[in-house]
Amino acid sequence: MADLGLLPTAERAPRSKSVVPGSRVRVRDAEGEHEHTVISRATADSPPGCVSVRSPVGMALLGRRAGDQVQVQTPGGVRLLTVVDVVAAPDPSSPRSARGCEG
C-alpha cells in the first residue's frame, strides 16, 4: 500500500478508533486511495483534502472506523468508500493541525 504523504512514520499522530472533527482519514474508492481532514467548518479558500462535517462525505465518515464501508451520495453519484486508516486529531497548537483547512 502506497504512503500518500500523511506524515513520516516517526511524526505520525496516534491512531484513533473513530473519525471525529480534526481526524485525518484515508479512504479507498473505485479511483484509489484519498486522504481527507474532517473539519467543523470549511471556508472558500480551504485547501483540497479538507472536508466539512456538513458535507456528504464528512457526514458519512463521522464515527466510522478503519475497515468500515459506507455509501455516499455525492453530486457525481454514489461512491462506496472504505475507511483504510484514521489518524487522531493533532494538538490544536501543532502546525499539522486541521487549522490549515479552516483558514
PDB file of N, CA and C in Angstrom:
ATOM      1  N   MET A   1       0.844  -1.174   0.000  1.00  0.00           N
ATOM      2  CA  MET A   1       0.000   0.000   0.000  1.00  0.00           C
ATOM      3  C   MET A   1       0.890   1.237   0.000  1.00  0.00           C
ATOM      4  N   ALA A   2       0.656   2.148  -0.869  1.00  0.00           N
ATOM      5  CA  ALA A   2       1.481   3.345  -1.006  1.00  0.00           C
ATOM      6  C   ALA A   2       1.179   4.334   0.104  1.00  0.00           C
ATOM      7  N   ASP A   3       2.219   5.007   0.591  1.00  0.00           N
ATOM      8  CA  ASP A   3       2.041   6.073   1.570  1.00  0.00           C
ATOM      9  C   ASP A   3       1.639   7.320   0.801  1.00  0.00           C
ATOM     10  N   LEU A   4       0.504   7.880   1.144  1.00  0.00           N
ATOM     11  CA  LEU A   4       0.002   9.044   0.419  1.00  0.00           C
ATOM     12  C   LEU A   4       0.496  10.356   1.019  1.00  0.00           C
ATOM     13  N   GLY A   5       1.619  10.288   1.720  1.00  0.00           N
ATOM     14  CA  GLY A   5       2.200  11.516   2.230  1.00  0.00           C
ATOM     15  C   GLY A   5       1.546  12.005   3.501  1.00  0.00           C
ATOM     16  N   LEU A   6       0.960  11.107   4.285  1.00  0.00           N
ATOM     17  CA  LEU A   6       0.373  11.549   5.551  1.00  0.00           C
ATOM     18  C   LEU A   6       1.436  12.306   6.353  1.00  0.00           C
ATOM     19  N   LEU A   7       2.340  11.576   6.961  1.00  0.00           N
ATOM     20  CA  LEU A   7       3.469  12.136   7.687  1.00  0.00           C
ATOM     21  C   LEU A   7       4.538  11.060   7.716  1.00  0.00           C
ATOM     22  N   PRO A   8       5.806  11.423   7.839  1.00  0.00           N
ATOM     23  CA  PRO A   8       6.807  10.386   8.029  1.00  0.00           C
ATOM     24  C   PRO A   8       6.442   9.557   9.262  1.00  0.00           C
ATOM     25  N   THR A   9       6.769   8.288   9.248  1.00  0.00           N
ATOM     26  CA  THR A   9       6.357   7.371  10.311  1.00  0.00           C
ATOM     27  C   THR A   9       6.662   7.914  11.696  1.00  0.00           C
ATOM     28  N   ALA A  10       7.824   8.481  11.906  1.00  0.00           N
ATOM     29  CA  ALA A  10       8.206   8.974  13.230  1.00  0.00           C
ATOM     30  C   ALA A  10       7.341  10.127  13.699  1.00  0.00           C
ATOM     31  N   GLU A  11       6.704  10.865  12.777  1.00  0.00           N
ATOM     32  CA  GLU A  11       5.916  12.031  13.142  1.00  0.00           C
ATOM     33  C   GLU A  11       4.420  11.765  13.172  1.00  0.00           C
ATOM     34  N   ARG A  12       3.993  10.555  12.884  1.00  0.00           N
ATOM     35  CA  ARG A  12       2.568  10.281  12.789  1.00  0.00           C
ATOM     36  C   ARG A  12       1.877  10.460  14.124  1.00  0.00           C
ATOM     37  N   ALA A  13       0.674  11.000  14.051  1.00  0.00           N
ATOM     38  CA  ALA A  13      -0.153  11.150  15.247  1.00  0.00           C
ATOM     39  C   ALA A  13      -0.666   9.782  15.648  1.00  0.00           C
ATOM     40  N   PRO A  14      -1.101   9.623  16.888  1.00  0.00           N
ATOM     41  CA  PRO A  14      -1.623   8.330  17.315  1.00  0.00           C
ATOM     42  C   PRO A  14      -2.874   7.954  16.533  1.00  0.00           C
ATOM     43  N   ARG A  15      -3.053   6.664  16.332  1.00  0.00           N
ATOM     44  CA  ARG A  15      -4.249   6.167  15.656  1.00  0.00           C
ATOM     45  C   ARG A  15      -5.465   6.483  16.518  1.00  0.00           C
ATOM     46  N   SER A  16      -6.559   6.743  15.854  1.00  0.00           N
ATOM     47  CA  SER A  16      -7.819   6.990  16.535  1.00  0.00           C
ATOM     48  C   SER A  16      -8.738   5.834  16.203  1.00  0.00           C
ATOM     49  N   LYS A  17      -9.661   5.538  17.091  1.00  0.00           N
ATOM     50  CA  LYS A  17     -10.575   4.444  16.819  1.00  0.00           C
ATOM     51  C   LYS A  17     -11.684   4.856  15.870  1.00  0.00           C
ATOM     52  N   SER A  18     -12.126   6.099  15.930  1.00  0.00           N
ATOM     53  CA  SER A  18     -13.197   6.528  15.039  1.00  0.00           C
ATOM     54  C   SER A  18     -12.973   7.956  14.571  1.00  0.00           C
ATOM     55  N   VAL A  19     -13.647   8.299  13.476  1.00  0.00           N
ATOM     56  CA  VAL A  19     -13.493   9.617  12.857  1.00  0.00           C
ATOM     57  C   VAL A  19     -14.245  10.666  13.673  1.00  0.00           C
ATOM     58  N   VAL A  20     -13.551  11.741  14.004  1.00  0.00           N
ATOM     59  CA  VAL A  20     -14.113  12.904  14.690  1.00  0.00           C
ATOM     60  C   VAL A  20     -13.594  14.141  13.965  1.00  0.00           C
ATOM     61  N   PRO A  21     -14.193  15.320  14.201  1.00  0.00           N
ATOM     62  CA  PRO A  21     -13.639  16.528  13.580  1.00  0.00           C
ATOM     63  C   PRO A  21     -12.157  16.677  13.932  1.00  0.00           C
ATOM     64  N   GLY A  22     -11.366  16.968  12.933  1.00  0.00           N
ATOM     65  CA  GLY A  22      -9.920  17.095  13.090  1.00  0.00           C
ATOM     66  C   GLY A  22      -9.159  15.848  12.686  1.00  0.00           C
ATOM     67  N   SER A  23      -9.856  14.713  12.574  1.00  0.00           N
ATOM     68  CA  SER A  23      -9.195  13.469  12.168  1.00  0.00           C
ATOM     69  C   SER A  23      -8.747  13.541  10.724  1.00  0.00           C
ATOM     70  N   ARG A  24      -7.645  12.849  10.459  1.00  0.00           N
ATOM     71  CA  ARG A  24      -7.241  12.620   9.068  1.00  0.00           C
ATOM     72  C   ARG A  24      -7.667  11.196   8.745  1.00  0.00           C
ATOM     73  N   VAL A  25      -8.326  11.044   7.614  1.00  0.00           N
ATOM     74  CA  VAL A  25      -8.910   9.762   7.241  1.00  0.00           C
ATOM     75  C   VAL A  25      -8.421   9.380   5.849  1.00  0.00           C
ATOM     76  N   ARG A  26      -7.902   8.172   5.730  1.00  0.00           N
ATOM     77  CA  ARG A  26      -7.533   7.657   4.411  1.00  0.00           C
ATOM     78  C   ARG A  26      -8.642   6.704   4.001  1.00  0.00           C
ATOM     79  N   VAL A  27      -9.209   6.942   2.816  1.00  0.00           N
ATOM     80  CA  VAL A  27     -10.287   6.109   2.293  1.00  0.00           C
ATOM     81  C   VAL A  27      -9.894   5.557   0.931  1.00  0.00           C
ATOM     82  N   ARG A  28     -10.513   4.440   0.581  1.00  0.00           N
ATOM     83  CA  ARG A  28     -10.314   3.841  -0.738  1.00  0.00           C
ATOM     84  C   ARG A  28     -11.653   3.810  -1.431  1.00  0.00           C
ATOM     85  N   ASP A  29     -11.648   4.176  -2.722  1.00  0.00           N
ATOM     86  CA  ASP A  29     -12.839   4.055  -3.556  1.00  0.00           C
ATOM     87  C   ASP A  29     -12.417   3.460  -4.888  1.00  0.00           C
ATOM     88  N   ALA A  30     -13.293   3.475  -5.861  1.00  0.00           N
ATOM     89  CA  ALA A  30     -13.006   2.874  -7.165  1.00  0.00           C
ATOM     90  C   ALA A  30     -11.824   3.540  -7.870  1.00  0.00           C
ATOM     91  N   GLU A  31     -11.509   4.768  -7.497  1.00  0.00           N
ATOM     92  CA  GLU A  31     -10.418   5.508  -8.139  1.00  0.00           C
ATOM     93  C   GLU A  31      -9.091   5.386  -7.405  1.00  0.00           C
ATOM     94  N   GLY A  32      -9.056   4.757  -6.241  1.00  0.00           N
ATOM     95  CA  GLY A  32      -7.819   4.625  -5.477  1.00  0.00           C
ATOM     96  C   GLY A  32      -7.996   5.129  -4.058  1.00  0.00           C
ATOM     97  N   GLU A  33      -6.873   5.478  -3.428  1.00  0.00           N
ATOM     98  CA  GLU A  33      -6.905   5.974  -2.057  1.00  0.00           C
ATOM     99  C   GLU A  33      -6.798   7.491  -2.031  1.00  0.00           C
ATOM    100  N   HIS A  34      -7.509   8.076  -1.051  1.00  0.00           N
ATOM    101  CA  HIS A  34      -7.545   9.528  -0.884  1.00  0.00           C
ATOM    102  C   HIS A  34      -7.474   9.840   0.600  1.00  0.00           C
ATOM    103  N   GLU A  35      -6.912  10.973   0.926  1.00  0.00           N
ATOM    104  CA  GLU A  35      -6.841  11.404   2.321  1.00  0.00           C
ATOM    105  C   GLU A  35      -7.687  12.652   2.506  1.00  0.00           C
ATOM    106  N   HIS A  36      -8.448  12.671   3.591  1.00  0.00           N
ATOM    107  CA  HIS A  36      -9.288  13.822   3.932  1.00  0.00           C
ATOM    108  C   HIS A  36      -9.007  14.229   5.369  1.00  0.00           C
ATOM    109  N   THR A  37      -9.034  15.512   5.653  1.00  0.00           N
ATOM    110  CA  THR A  37      -9.052  16.015   7.018  1.00  0.00           C
ATOM    111  C   THR A  37     -10.476  16.485   7.264  1.00  0.00           C
ATOM    112  N   VAL A  38     -11.109  15.916   8.282  1.00  0.00           N
ATOM    113  CA  VAL A  38     -12.501  16.243   8.597  1.00  0.00           C
ATOM    114  C   VAL A  38     -12.496  17.479   9.487  1.00  0.00           C
ATOM    115  N   ILE A  39     -13.183  18.526   9.035  1.00  0.00           N
ATOM    116  CA  ILE A  39     -13.173  19.792   9.756  1.00  0.00           C
ATOM    117  C   ILE A  39     -14.589  20.220  10.119  1.00  0.00           C
ATOM    118  N   SER A  40     -14.691  21.059  11.138  1.00  0.00           N
ATOM    119  CA  SER A  40     -16.010  21.502  11.586  1.00  0.00           C
ATOM    120  C   SER A  40     -16.621  22.550  10.667  1.00  0.00           C
ATOM    121  N   ARG A  41     -15.775  23.322  10.010  1.00  0.00           N
ATOM    122  CA  ARG A  41     -16.306  24.297   9.054  1.00  0.00           C
ATOM    123  C   ARG A  41     -15.300  24.485   7.935  1.00  0.00           C
ATOM    124  N   ALA A  42     -15.802  24.682   6.764  1.00  0.00           N
ATOM    125  CA  ALA A  42     -14.947  24.906   5.596  1.00  0.00           C
ATOM    126  C   ALA A  42     -15.064  26.359   5.168  1.00  0.00           C
ATOM    127  N   THR A  43     -14.009  26.850   4.561  1.00  0.00           N
ATOM    128  CA  THR A  43     -14.037  28.201   4.010  1.00  0.00           C
ATOM    129  C   THR A  43     -13.810  28.104   2.511  1.00  0.00           C
ATOM    130  N   ALA A  44     -14.087  29.177   1.817  1.00  0.00           N
ATOM    131  CA  ALA A  44     -13.946  29.192   0.362  1.00  0.00           C
ATOM    132  C   ALA A  44     -12.511  28.908  -0.065  1.00  0.00           C
ATOM    133  N   ASP A  45     -11.539  29.262   0.787  1.00  0.00           N
ATOM    134  CA  ASP A  45     -10.145  29.055   0.416  1.00  0.00           C
ATOM    135  C   ASP A  45      -9.522  27.845   1.110  1.00  0.00           C
ATOM    136  N   SER A  46     -10.354  26.924   1.610  1.00  0.00           N
ATOM    137  CA  SER A  46      -9.818  25.709   2.224  1.00  0.00           C
ATOM    138  C   SER A  46      -9.072  24.894   1.174  1.00  0.00           C
ATOM    139  N   PRO A  47      -7.905  24.373   1.550  1.00  0.00           N
ATOM    140  CA  PRO A  47      -7.139  23.583   0.584  1.00  0.00           C
ATOM    141  C   PRO A  47      -7.822  22.266   0.245  1.00  0.00           C
ATOM    142  N   PRO A  48      -7.458  21.659  -0.870  1.00  0.00           N
ATOM    143  CA  PRO A  48      -8.013  20.351  -1.224  1.00  0.00           C
ATOM    144  C   PRO A  48      -7.710  19.337  -0.119  1.00  0.00           C
ATOM    145  N   GLY A  49      -8.582  18.394   0.055  1.00  0.00           N
ATOM    146  CA  GLY A  49      -8.382  17.371   1.075  1.00  0.00           C
ATOM    147  C   GLY A  49      -9.063  17.693   2.388  1.00  0.00           C
ATOM    148  N   CYS A  50      -9.620  18.883   2.510  1.00  0.00           N
ATOM    149  CA  CYS A  50     -10.358  19.271   3.707  1.00  0.00           C
ATOM    150  C   CYS A  50     -11.840  19.061   3.430  1.00  0.00           C
ATOM    151  N   VAL A  51     -12.503  18.312   4.312  1.00  0.00           N
ATOM    152  CA  VAL A  51     -13.911  18.017   4.091  1.00  0.00           C
ATOM    153  C   VAL A  51     -14.698  18.390   5.347  1.00  0.00           C
ATOM    154  N   SER A  52     -15.749  19.158   5.163  1.00  0.00           N
ATOM    155  CA  SER A  52     -16.582  19.627   6.264  1.00  0.00           C
ATOM    156  C   SER A  52     -17.451  18.504   6.812  1.00  0.00           C
ATOM    157  N   VAL A  53     -17.703  18.528   8.114  1.00  0.00           N
ATOM    158  CA  VAL A  53     -18.606  17.546   8.720  1.00  0.00           C
ATOM    159  C   VAL A  53     -20.023  17.696   8.180  1.00  0.00           C
ATOM    160  N   ARG A  54     -20.319  18.814   7.543  1.00  0.00           N
ATOM    161  CA  ARG A  54     -21.654  19.043   6.973  1.00  0.00           C
ATOM    162  C   ARG A  54     -21.775  18.580   5.525  1.00  0.00           C
ATOM    163  N   SER A  55     -20.648  18.197   4.920  1.00  0.00           N
ATOM    164  CA  SER A  55     -20.675  17.703   3.542  1.00  0.00           C
ATOM    165  C   SER A  55     -21.125  16.239   3.548  1.00  0.00           C
ATOM    166  N   PRO A  56     -21.587  15.737   2.402  1.00  0.00           N
ATOM    167  CA  PRO A  56     -21.993  14.327   2.361  1.00  0.00           C
ATOM    168  C   PRO A  56     -20.874  13.367   2.786  1.00  0.00           C
ATOM    169  N   VAL A  57     -19.656  13.606   2.321  1.00  0.00           N
ATOM    170  CA  VAL A  57     -18.544  12.727   2.685  1.00  0.00           C
ATOM    171  C   VAL A  57     -18.231  12.873   4.175  1.00  0.00           C
ATOM    172  N   GLY A  58     -18.168  14.098   4.669  1.00  0.00           N
ATOM    173  CA  GLY A  58     -17.883  14.329   6.085  1.00  0.00           C
ATOM    174  C   GLY A  58     -18.912  13.676   6.990  1.00  0.00           C
ATOM    175  N   MET A  59     -20.192  13.847   6.672  1.00  0.00           N
ATOM    176  CA  MET A  59     -21.253  13.222   7.482  1.00  0.00           C
ATOM    177  C   MET A  59     -21.132  11.703   7.465  1.00  0.00           C
ATOM    178  N   ALA A  60     -20.825  11.144   6.302  1.00  0.00           N
ATOM    179  CA  ALA A  60     -20.728   9.692   6.181  1.00  0.00           C
ATOM    180  C   ALA A  60     -19.533   9.129   6.954  1.00  0.00           C
ATOM    181  N   LEU A  61     -18.453   9.903   7.060  1.00  0.00           N
ATOM    182  CA  LEU A  61     -17.252   9.411   7.731  1.00  0.00           C
ATOM    183  C   LEU A  61     -17.293   9.533   9.250  1.00  0.00           C
ATOM    184  N   LEU A  62     -18.045  10.483   9.777  1.00  0.00           N
ATOM    185  CA  LEU A  62     -18.077  10.680  11.229  1.00  0.00           C
ATOM    186  C   LEU A  62     -18.455   9.392  11.950  1.00  0.00           C
ATOM    187  N   GLY A  63     -17.663   9.035  12.941  1.00  0.00           N
ATOM    188  CA  GLY A  63     -17.922   7.856  13.749  1.00  0.00           C
ATOM    189  C   GLY A  63     -17.446   6.545  13.140  1.00  0.00           C
ATOM    190  N   ARG A  64     -16.969   6.578  11.907  1.00  0.00           N
ATOM    191  CA  ARG A  64     -16.518   5.352  11.234  1.00  0.00           C
ATOM    192  C   ARG A  64     -15.137   4.955  11.738  1.00  0.00           C
ATOM    193  N   ARG A  65     -14.812   3.683  11.541  1.00  0.00           N
ATOM    194  CA  ARG A  65     -13.529   3.127  11.954  1.00  0.00           C
ATOM    195  C   ARG A  65     -12.849   2.460  10.763  1.00  0.00           C
ATOM    196  N   ALA A  66     -11.559   2.206  10.897  1.00  0.00           N
ATOM    197  CA  ALA A  66     -10.830   1.504   9.841  1.00  0.00           C
ATOM    198  C   ALA A  66     -11.545   0.195   9.527  1.00  0.00           C
ATOM    199  N   GLY A  67     -11.727  -0.071   8.248  1.00  0.00           N
ATOM    200  CA  GLY A  67     -12.415  -1.271   7.792  1.00  0.00           C
ATOM    201  C   GLY A  67     -13.879  -1.055   7.464  1.00  0.00           C
ATOM    202  N   ASP A  68     -14.473   0.021   7.971  1.00  0.00           N
ATOM    203  CA  ASP A  68     -15.882   0.319   7.678  1.00  0.00           C
ATOM    204  C   ASP A  68     -16.042   0.718   6.220  1.00  0.00           C
ATOM    205  N   GLN A  69     -17.181   0.349   5.654  1.00  0.00           N
ATOM    206  CA  GLN A  69     -17.547   0.785   4.306  1.00  0.00           C
ATOM    207  C   GLN A  69     -18.818   1.615   4.414  1.00  0.00           C
ATOM    208  N   VAL A  70     -18.904   2.621   3.563  1.00  0.00           N
ATOM    209  CA  VAL A  70     -20.071   3.498   3.567  1.00  0.00           C
ATOM    210  C   VAL A  70     -20.346   3.959   2.140  1.00  0.00           C
ATOM    211  N   GLN A  71     -21.632   4.038   1.806  1.00  0.00           N
ATOM    212  CA  GLN A  71     -22.025   4.603   0.515  1.00  0.00           C
ATOM    213  C   GLN A  71     -22.364   6.064   0.737  1.00  0.00           C
ATOM    214  N   VAL A  72     -21.855   6.911  -0.148  1.00  0.00           N
ATOM    215  CA  VAL A  72     -22.051   8.347  -0.018  1.00  0.00           C
ATOM    216  C   VAL A  72     -22.676   8.881  -1.291  1.00  0.00           C
ATOM    217  N   GLN A  73     -23.768   9.613  -1.149  1.00  0.00           N
ATOM    218  CA  GLN A  73     -24.386  10.283  -2.295  1.00  0.00           C
ATOM    219  C   GLN A  73     -23.660  11.608  -2.493  1.00  0.00           C
ATOM    220  N   THR A  74     -22.956  11.749  -3.608  1.00  0.00           N
ATOM    221  CA  THR A  74     -22.237  12.981  -3.929  1.00  0.00           C
ATOM    222  C   THR A  74     -22.839  13.567  -5.197  1.00  0.00           C
ATOM    223  N   PRO A  75     -22.493  14.805  -5.516  1.00  0.00           N
ATOM    224  CA  PRO A  75     -23.010  15.390  -6.765  1.00  0.00           C
ATOM    225  C   PRO A  75     -22.649  14.556  -7.998  1.00  0.00           C
ATOM    226  N   GLY A  76     -21.544  13.812  -7.926  1.00  0.00           N
ATOM    227  CA  GLY A  76     -21.129  12.978  -9.047  1.00  0.00           C
ATOM    228  C   GLY A  76     -21.736  11.579  -9.039  1.00  0.00           C
ATOM    229  N   GLY A  77     -22.560  11.278  -8.050  1.00  0.00           N
ATOM    230  CA  GLY A  77     -23.182   9.964  -7.937  1.00  0.00           C
ATOM    231  C   GLY A  77     -22.811   9.287  -6.631  1.00  0.00           C
ATOM    232  N   VAL A  78     -23.263   8.063  -6.471  1.00  0.00           N
ATOM    233  CA  VAL A  78     -22.998   7.313  -5.251  1.00  0.00           C
ATOM    234  C   VAL A  78     -21.576   6.772  -5.290  1.00  0.00           C
ATOM    235  N   ARG A  79     -20.836   6.967  -4.186  1.00  0.00           N
ATOM    236  CA  ARG A  79     -19.474   6.448  -4.052  1.00  0.00           C
ATOM    237  C   ARG A  79     -19.439   5.479  -2.881  1.00  0.00           C
ATOM    238  N   LEU A  80     -18.773   4.354  -3.054  1.00  0.00           N
ATOM    239  CA  LEU A  80     -18.533   3.418  -1.974  1.00  0.00           C
ATOM    240  C   LEU A  80     -17.141   3.703  -1.435  1.00  0.00           C
ATOM    241  N   LEU A  81     -17.067   4.089  -0.163  1.00  0.00           N
ATOM    242  CA  LEU A  81     -15.797   4.396   0.483  1.00  0.00           C
ATOM    243  C   LEU A  81     -15.484   3.331   1.523  1.00  0.00           C
ATOM    244  N   THR A  82     -14.249   2.899   1.556  1.00  0.00           N
ATOM    245  CA  THR A  82     -13.755   2.010   2.600  1.00  0.00           C
ATOM    246  C   THR A  82     -12.751   2.795   3.418  1.00  0.00           C
ATOM    247  N   VAL A  83     -12.958   2.873   4.728  1.00  0.00           N
ATOM    248  CA  VAL A  83     -12.024   3.576   5.602  1.00  0.00           C
ATOM    249  C   VAL A  83     -10.798   2.688   5.774  1.00  0.00           C
ATOM    250  N   VAL A  84      -9.643   3.203   5.355  1.00  0.00           N
ATOM    251  CA  VAL A  84      -8.390   2.466   5.428  1.00  0.00           C
ATOM    252  C   VAL A  84      -7.677   2.769   6.735  1.00  0.00           C
ATOM    253  N   ASP A  85      -7.653   4.044   7.130  1.00  0.00           N
ATOM    254  CA  ASP A  85      -6.881   4.461   8.293  1.00  0.00           C
ATOM    255  C   ASP A  85      -7.489   5.734   8.863  1.00  0.00           C
ATOM    256  N   VAL A  86      -7.469   5.839  10.186  1.00  0.00           N
ATOM    257  CA  VAL A  86      -7.925   7.046  10.879  1.00  0.00           C
ATOM    258  C   VAL A  86      -6.797   7.488  11.793  1.00  0.00           C
ATOM    259  N   VAL A  87      -6.359   8.739  11.638  1.00  0.00           N
ATOM    260  CA  VAL A  87      -5.311   9.296  12.481  1.00  0.00           C
ATOM    261  C   VAL A  87      -5.952  10.367  13.349  1.00  0.00           C
ATOM    262  N   ALA A  88      -5.705  10.270  14.644  1.00  0.00           N
ATOM    263  CA  ALA A  88      -6.310  11.185  15.609  1.00  0.00           C
ATOM    264  C   ALA A  88      -6.007  12.634  15.274  1.00  0.00           C
ATOM    265  N   ALA A  89      -6.899  13.496  15.687  1.00  0.00           N
ATOM    266  CA  ALA A  89      -6.697  14.930  15.511  1.00  0.00           C
ATOM    267  C   ALA A  89      -5.452  15.347  16.281  1.00  0.00           C
ATOM    268  N   PRO A  90      -4.534  16.089  15.633  1.00  0.00           N
ATOM    269  CA  PRO A  90      -3.330  16.538  16.336  1.00  0.00           C
ATOM    270  C   PRO A  90      -3.659  17.636  17.331  1.00  0.00           C
ATOM    271  N   ASP A  91      -2.716  17.927  18.162  1.00  0.00           N
ATOM    272  CA  ASP A  91      -2.824  19.022  19.116  1.00  0.00           C
ATOM    273  C   ASP A  91      -3.135  20.295  18.338  1.00  0.00           C
ATOM    274  N   PRO A  92      -4.133  21.098  18.771  1.00  0.00           N
ATOM    275  CA  PRO A  92      -4.501  22.314  18.031  1.00  0.00           C
ATOM    276  C   PRO A  92      -3.352  23.298  17.835  1.00  0.00           C
ATOM    277  N   SER A  93      -2.340  23.248  18.683  1.00  0.00           N
ATOM    278  CA  SER A  93      -1.213  24.172  18.529  1.00  0.00           C
ATOM    279  C   SER A  93      -0.187  23.649  17.534  1.00  0.00           C
ATOM    280  N   SER A  94      -0.378  22.415  17.082  1.00  0.00           N
ATOM    281  CA  SER A  94       0.551  21.815  16.128  1.00  0.00           C
ATOM    282  C   SER A  94       0.429  22.473  14.771  1.00  0.00           C
ATOM    283  N   PRO A  95       1.550  22.634  14.054  1.00  0.00           N
ATOM    284  CA  PRO A  95       1.463  23.189  12.702  1.00  0.00           C
ATOM    285  C   PRO A  95       0.757  22.226  11.757  1.00  0.00           C
ATOM    286  N   ARG A  96       0.575  20.978  12.145  1.00  0.00           N
ATOM    287  CA  ARG A  96      -0.090  19.992  11.316  1.00  0.00           C
ATOM    288  C   ARG A  96      -1.553  19.814  11.728  1.00  0.00           C
ATOM    289  N   SER A  97      -2.107  20.748  12.457  1.00  0.00           N
ATOM    290  CA  SER A  97      -3.493  20.630  12.890  1.00  0.00           C
ATOM    291  C   SER A  97      -4.449  20.942  11.753  1.00  0.00           C
ATOM    292  N   ALA A  98      -5.737  20.685  11.968  1.00  0.00           N
ATOM    293  CA  ALA A  98      -6.760  20.942  10.963  1.00  0.00           C
ATOM    294  C   ALA A  98      -6.943  22.429  10.719  1.00  0.00           C
ATOM    295  N   ARG A  99      -6.307  23.276  11.512  1.00  0.00           N
ATOM    296  CA  ARG A  99      -6.456  24.717  11.314  1.00  0.00           C
ATOM    297  C   ARG A  99      -6.059  25.139   9.898  1.00  0.00           C
ATOM    298  N   GLY A 100      -5.145  24.414   9.275  1.00  0.00           N
ATOM    299  CA  GLY A 100      -4.737  24.722   7.910  1.00  0.00           C
ATOM    300  C   GLY A 100      -5.914  24.578   6.950  1.00  0.00           C
ATOM    301  N   CYS A 101      -6.864  23.744   7.293  1.00  0.00           N
ATOM    302  CA  CYS A 101      -8.050  23.572   6.473  1.00  0.00           C
ATOM    303  C   CYS A 101      -9.081  24.654   6.746  1.00  0.00           C
ATOM    304  N   GLU A 102      -9.123  25.136   7.958  1.00  0.00           N
ATOM    305  CA  GLU A 102     -10.166  26.078   8.348  1.00  0.00           C
ATOM    306  C   GLU A 102      -9.781  27.518   8.143  1.00  0.00           C
ATOM    307  N   GLY A 103      -8.601  27.739   7.650  1.00  0.00           N
ATOM    308  CA  GLY A 103      -8.193  29.093   7.310  1.00  0.00           C
ATOM    309  C   GLY A 103      -7.809  29.948   8.391  1.00  0.00           C
TER     310      GLY A 103
END
